[in-house]
Amino acid sequence: MAEMKTLTINGTTYNVVDETARTAAANAQSTASGKANASHTQAASTITAGTFAGQVVAKSNAQTPGTSLLRNSKLVSADTNPSNDGEINWTYG
């Protein structure tokens, strides 16, 4: 029978029996060190600074005229009607 050892990470104690368990505990430590999972949810109201890496799109059914909100906008080469409520088309050329 393999020797059992314990490993405590951030207040959680793991029973380590072999190198596989030790690796799993190390991976748990890596995740627990303040890194967010690749897929997660966060309320927009808690984001106070930073740069979005991808496209940001406003919810079209939540656009209220006269209210300061995120608006979808795009540059177009000819006059055209916006395809969604709250969208702004900017014509250039």
N, C-alpha and C. Protein backbone atom coordinates (compact mmCIF):
# COMPACT_ATOMS: atom_id res chain seq x y z
N MET A 1 0.84 -1.18 0.00
CA MET A 1 0.00 0.00 0.00
C MET A 1 0.89 1.24 0.00
N ALA A 2 0.53 2.22 -0.82
CA ALA A 2 1.31 3.45 -0.94
C ALA A 2 1.17 4.30 0.32
N GLU A 3 2.23 5.02 0.60
CA GLU A 3 2.21 5.91 1.75
C GLU A 3 1.33 7.12 1.47
N MET A 4 0.44 7.48 2.42
CA MET A 4 -0.45 8.62 2.24
C MET A 4 0.12 9.83 2.97
N LYS A 5 0.15 10.94 2.27
CA LYS A 5 0.58 12.20 2.87
C LYS A 5 -0.54 13.20 2.70
N THR A 6 -0.51 14.27 3.44
CA THR A 6 -1.52 15.33 3.28
C THR A 6 -0.83 16.58 2.77
N LEU A 7 -1.60 17.33 1.99
CA LEU A 7 -1.13 18.59 1.42
C LEU A 7 -2.24 19.61 1.62
N THR A 8 -1.93 20.74 2.25
CA THR A 8 -2.93 21.77 2.48
C THR A 8 -2.65 22.96 1.59
N ILE A 9 -3.68 23.35 0.79
CA ILE A 9 -3.57 24.49 -0.11
C ILE A 9 -4.75 25.40 0.14
N ASN A 10 -4.47 26.66 0.48
CA ASN A 10 -5.53 27.65 0.74
C ASN A 10 -6.59 27.12 1.70
N GLY A 11 -6.16 26.43 2.73
CA GLY A 11 -7.09 25.94 3.75
C GLY A 11 -7.78 24.63 3.41
N THR A 12 -7.55 24.07 2.23
CA THR A 12 -8.14 22.79 1.86
C THR A 12 -7.06 21.72 1.96
N THR A 13 -7.35 20.64 2.67
CA THR A 13 -6.39 19.56 2.84
C THR A 13 -6.69 18.44 1.85
N TYR A 14 -5.64 18.02 1.15
CA TYR A 14 -5.73 16.94 0.17
C TYR A 14 -4.94 15.75 0.69
N ASN A 15 -5.46 14.55 0.50
CA ASN A 15 -4.71 13.34 0.79
C ASN A 15 -3.97 12.95 -0.47
N VAL A 16 -2.65 12.89 -0.37
CA VAL A 16 -1.81 12.61 -1.53
C VAL A 16 -1.28 11.18 -1.39
N VAL A 17 -1.61 10.34 -2.37
CA VAL A 17 -1.19 8.94 -2.31
C VAL A 17 -0.06 8.67 -3.31
N ASP A 18 -0.10 9.30 -4.45
CA ASP A 18 0.93 9.07 -5.46
C ASP A 18 1.18 10.35 -6.24
N GLU A 19 2.03 10.29 -7.24
CA GLU A 19 2.39 11.48 -8.00
C GLU A 19 1.21 12.06 -8.76
N THR A 20 0.25 11.22 -9.20
CA THR A 20 -0.93 11.73 -9.90
C THR A 20 -1.75 12.63 -8.99
N ALA A 21 -1.96 12.19 -7.76
CA ALA A 21 -2.71 13.01 -6.81
C ALA A 21 -1.95 14.29 -6.50
N ARG A 22 -0.64 14.20 -6.41
CA ARG A 22 0.18 15.39 -6.14
C ARG A 22 0.03 16.39 -7.29
N THR A 23 0.03 15.91 -8.52
CA THR A 23 -0.15 16.78 -9.69
C THR A 23 -1.53 17.42 -9.68
N ALA A 24 -2.56 16.66 -9.33
CA ALA A 24 -3.92 17.21 -9.26
C ALA A 24 -3.99 18.31 -8.22
N ALA A 25 -3.34 18.10 -7.09
CA ALA A 25 -3.34 19.13 -6.04
C ALA A 25 -2.59 20.37 -6.50
N ALA A 26 -1.50 20.20 -7.24
CA ALA A 26 -0.76 21.35 -7.78
C ALA A 26 -1.60 22.12 -8.78
N ASN A 27 -2.36 21.39 -9.60
CA ASN A 27 -3.26 22.06 -10.55
C ASN A 27 -4.34 22.83 -9.82
N ALA A 28 -4.84 22.28 -8.72
CA ALA A 28 -5.84 22.98 -7.92
C ALA A 28 -5.26 24.27 -7.35
N GLN A 29 -4.00 24.22 -6.93
CA GLN A 29 -3.33 25.41 -6.41
C GLN A 29 -3.21 26.47 -7.50
N SER A 30 -2.87 26.06 -8.71
CA SER A 30 -2.73 26.99 -9.82
C SER A 30 -4.04 27.71 -10.09
N THR A 31 -5.15 26.97 -10.06
CA THR A 31 -6.47 27.56 -10.29
C THR A 31 -6.86 28.46 -9.13
N ALA A 32 -6.51 28.07 -7.92
CA ALA A 32 -6.92 28.81 -6.73
C ALA A 32 -6.09 30.07 -6.49
N SER A 33 -5.05 30.29 -7.26
CA SER A 33 -4.16 31.42 -7.04
C SER A 33 -4.66 32.72 -7.65
N GLY A 34 -5.97 32.89 -7.75
CA GLY A 34 -6.52 34.13 -8.24
C GLY A 34 -6.83 34.15 -9.72
N LYS A 35 -6.57 33.07 -10.40
CA LYS A 35 -6.86 33.02 -11.83
C LYS A 35 -8.33 32.70 -12.03
N ALA A 36 -8.96 33.39 -12.96
CA ALA A 36 -10.35 33.09 -13.31
C ALA A 36 -10.37 31.91 -14.28
N ASN A 37 -11.41 31.13 -14.22
CA ASN A 37 -11.59 30.06 -15.18
C ASN A 37 -11.76 30.65 -16.57
N ALA A 38 -11.48 29.88 -17.59
CA ALA A 38 -11.63 30.37 -18.96
C ALA A 38 -13.07 30.77 -19.26
N SER A 39 -14.02 30.09 -18.64
CA SER A 39 -15.43 30.41 -18.84
C SER A 39 -16.02 30.79 -17.48
N HIS A 40 -16.51 32.02 -17.39
CA HIS A 40 -17.11 32.47 -16.13
C HIS A 40 -18.07 33.62 -16.42
N THR A 41 -18.85 33.99 -15.42
CA THR A 41 -19.74 35.13 -15.57
C THR A 41 -19.37 36.18 -14.53
N GLN A 42 -19.57 37.40 -14.88
CA GLN A 42 -19.28 38.51 -13.98
C GLN A 42 -20.23 39.65 -14.34
N ALA A 43 -20.82 40.25 -13.34
CA ALA A 43 -21.74 41.37 -13.58
C ALA A 43 -20.98 42.53 -14.22
N ALA A 44 -21.56 43.11 -15.25
CA ALA A 44 -20.93 44.23 -15.94
C ALA A 44 -20.67 45.40 -14.99
N SER A 45 -21.51 45.56 -13.99
CA SER A 45 -21.35 46.68 -13.06
C SER A 45 -20.08 46.57 -12.22
N THR A 46 -19.46 45.38 -12.16
CA THR A 46 -18.23 45.21 -11.38
C THR A 46 -16.98 45.48 -12.20
N ILE A 47 -17.13 45.69 -13.51
CA ILE A 47 -15.97 45.98 -14.36
C ILE A 47 -15.77 47.49 -14.38
N THR A 48 -14.64 47.95 -13.87
CA THR A 48 -14.40 49.38 -13.74
C THR A 48 -13.30 49.89 -14.66
N ALA A 49 -12.52 49.00 -15.26
CA ALA A 49 -11.44 49.43 -16.14
C ALA A 49 -10.98 48.24 -16.97
N GLY A 50 -10.23 48.54 -18.01
CA GLY A 50 -9.66 47.46 -18.82
C GLY A 50 -10.02 47.58 -20.27
N THR A 51 -9.55 46.64 -21.05
CA THR A 51 -9.78 46.60 -22.49
C THR A 51 -10.44 45.29 -22.85
N PHE A 52 -11.51 45.35 -23.60
CA PHE A 52 -12.17 44.13 -24.05
C PHE A 52 -11.37 43.54 -25.20
N ALA A 53 -11.15 42.25 -25.16
CA ALA A 53 -10.36 41.59 -26.19
C ALA A 53 -11.17 41.29 -27.44
N GLY A 54 -12.47 41.22 -27.34
CA GLY A 54 -13.30 40.88 -28.49
C GLY A 54 -14.39 41.90 -28.72
N GLN A 55 -15.33 41.55 -29.55
CA GLN A 55 -16.43 42.44 -29.89
C GLN A 55 -17.39 42.55 -28.70
N VAL A 56 -17.81 43.76 -28.39
CA VAL A 56 -18.79 44.02 -27.34
C VAL A 56 -20.08 44.43 -28.03
N VAL A 57 -21.18 43.79 -27.68
CA VAL A 57 -22.45 44.06 -28.33
C VAL A 57 -23.50 44.39 -27.27
N ALA A 58 -24.21 45.50 -27.48
CA ALA A 58 -25.28 45.89 -26.57
C ALA A 58 -26.53 45.07 -26.87
N LYS A 59 -27.26 44.74 -25.85
CA LYS A 59 -28.51 43.99 -26.00
C LYS A 59 -29.53 44.90 -26.70
N SER A 60 -30.01 44.50 -27.87
CA SER A 60 -30.84 45.39 -28.68
C SER A 60 -32.20 45.68 -28.06
N ASN A 61 -32.77 44.77 -27.28
CA ASN A 61 -34.09 45.03 -26.70
C ASN A 61 -34.02 45.82 -25.39
N ALA A 62 -32.83 46.25 -25.02
CA ALA A 62 -32.68 47.04 -23.79
C ALA A 62 -32.26 48.47 -24.09
N GLN A 63 -32.39 48.91 -25.33
CA GLN A 63 -31.98 50.26 -25.71
C GLN A 63 -33.12 51.24 -25.47
N THR A 64 -32.87 52.25 -24.66
CA THR A 64 -33.87 53.25 -24.33
C THR A 64 -33.39 54.62 -24.82
N PRO A 65 -34.12 55.26 -25.73
CA PRO A 65 -33.72 56.60 -26.19
C PRO A 65 -33.60 57.58 -25.02
N GLY A 66 -32.61 58.43 -25.08
CA GLY A 66 -32.44 59.43 -24.04
C GLY A 66 -31.68 58.93 -22.82
N THR A 67 -31.32 57.66 -22.80
CA THR A 67 -30.58 57.08 -21.68
C THR A 67 -29.15 56.80 -22.12
N SER A 68 -28.20 57.14 -21.29
CA SER A 68 -26.81 56.90 -21.60
C SER A 68 -26.50 55.41 -21.43
N LEU A 69 -26.28 54.73 -22.54
CA LEU A 69 -26.02 53.30 -22.56
C LEU A 69 -24.94 52.97 -23.58
N LEU A 70 -24.46 51.76 -23.52
CA LEU A 70 -23.61 51.26 -24.57
C LEU A 70 -24.45 51.14 -25.83
N ARG A 71 -23.97 51.67 -26.92
CA ARG A 71 -24.70 51.59 -28.19
C ARG A 71 -23.85 50.83 -29.21
N ASN A 72 -24.50 50.00 -29.97
CA ASN A 72 -23.80 49.34 -31.07
C ASN A 72 -23.65 50.36 -32.19
N SER A 73 -22.46 50.47 -32.75
CA SER A 73 -22.25 51.39 -33.87
C SER A 73 -21.30 50.75 -34.86
N LYS A 74 -21.44 51.15 -36.11
CA LYS A 74 -20.55 50.64 -37.14
C LYS A 74 -20.38 51.67 -38.23
N LEU A 75 -19.24 51.59 -38.93
CA LEU A 75 -18.98 52.45 -40.08
C LEU A 75 -19.49 51.76 -41.32
N VAL A 76 -20.23 52.49 -42.15
CA VAL A 76 -20.76 51.94 -43.40
C VAL A 76 -20.41 52.89 -44.53
N SER A 77 -20.27 52.36 -45.74
CA SER A 77 -19.84 53.19 -46.87
C SER A 77 -20.99 53.91 -47.57
N ALA A 78 -22.23 53.54 -47.25
CA ALA A 78 -23.40 54.18 -47.87
C ALA A 78 -24.51 54.29 -46.83
N ASP A 79 -25.38 55.30 -47.02
CA ASP A 79 -26.50 55.46 -46.08
C ASP A 79 -27.28 54.15 -46.00
N THR A 80 -27.57 53.74 -44.79
CA THR A 80 -28.31 52.51 -44.57
C THR A 80 -29.05 52.59 -43.24
N ASN A 81 -30.08 51.83 -43.10
CA ASN A 81 -30.82 51.80 -41.84
C ASN A 81 -30.15 50.81 -40.88
N PRO A 82 -30.05 51.17 -39.61
CA PRO A 82 -29.49 50.23 -38.64
C PRO A 82 -30.31 48.94 -38.61
N SER A 83 -29.66 47.84 -38.35
CA SER A 83 -30.34 46.54 -38.35
C SER A 83 -30.94 46.17 -36.99
N ASN A 84 -30.59 46.89 -35.93
CA ASN A 84 -31.11 46.60 -34.59
C ASN A 84 -31.47 47.90 -33.86
N ASP A 85 -32.40 47.81 -32.92
CA ASP A 85 -32.74 48.96 -32.08
C ASP A 85 -31.49 49.44 -31.35
N GLY A 86 -31.31 50.75 -31.30
CA GLY A 86 -30.19 51.32 -30.56
C GLY A 86 -28.88 51.33 -31.32
N GLU A 87 -28.85 50.78 -32.51
CA GLU A 87 -27.62 50.74 -33.30
C GLU A 87 -27.44 52.06 -34.04
N ILE A 88 -26.21 52.51 -34.16
CA ILE A 88 -25.89 53.74 -34.88
C ILE A 88 -24.98 53.40 -36.05
N ASN A 89 -25.39 53.79 -37.24
CA ASN A 89 -24.57 53.61 -38.43
C ASN A 89 -23.91 54.94 -38.78
N TRP A 90 -22.60 54.96 -38.92
CA TRP A 90 -21.86 56.15 -39.30
C TRP A 90 -21.44 55.97 -40.75
N THR A 91 -21.86 56.92 -41.61
CA THR A 91 -21.55 56.84 -43.04
C THR A 91 -20.27 57.61 -43.33
N TYR A 92 -19.37 56.97 -44.05
CA TYR A 92 -18.11 57.64 -44.45
C TYR A 92 -18.01 57.61 -45.97
N GLY A 93 -17.13 58.42 -46.49
CA GLY A 93 -16.83 58.35 -47.91
C GLY A 93 -17.31 59.46 -48.71
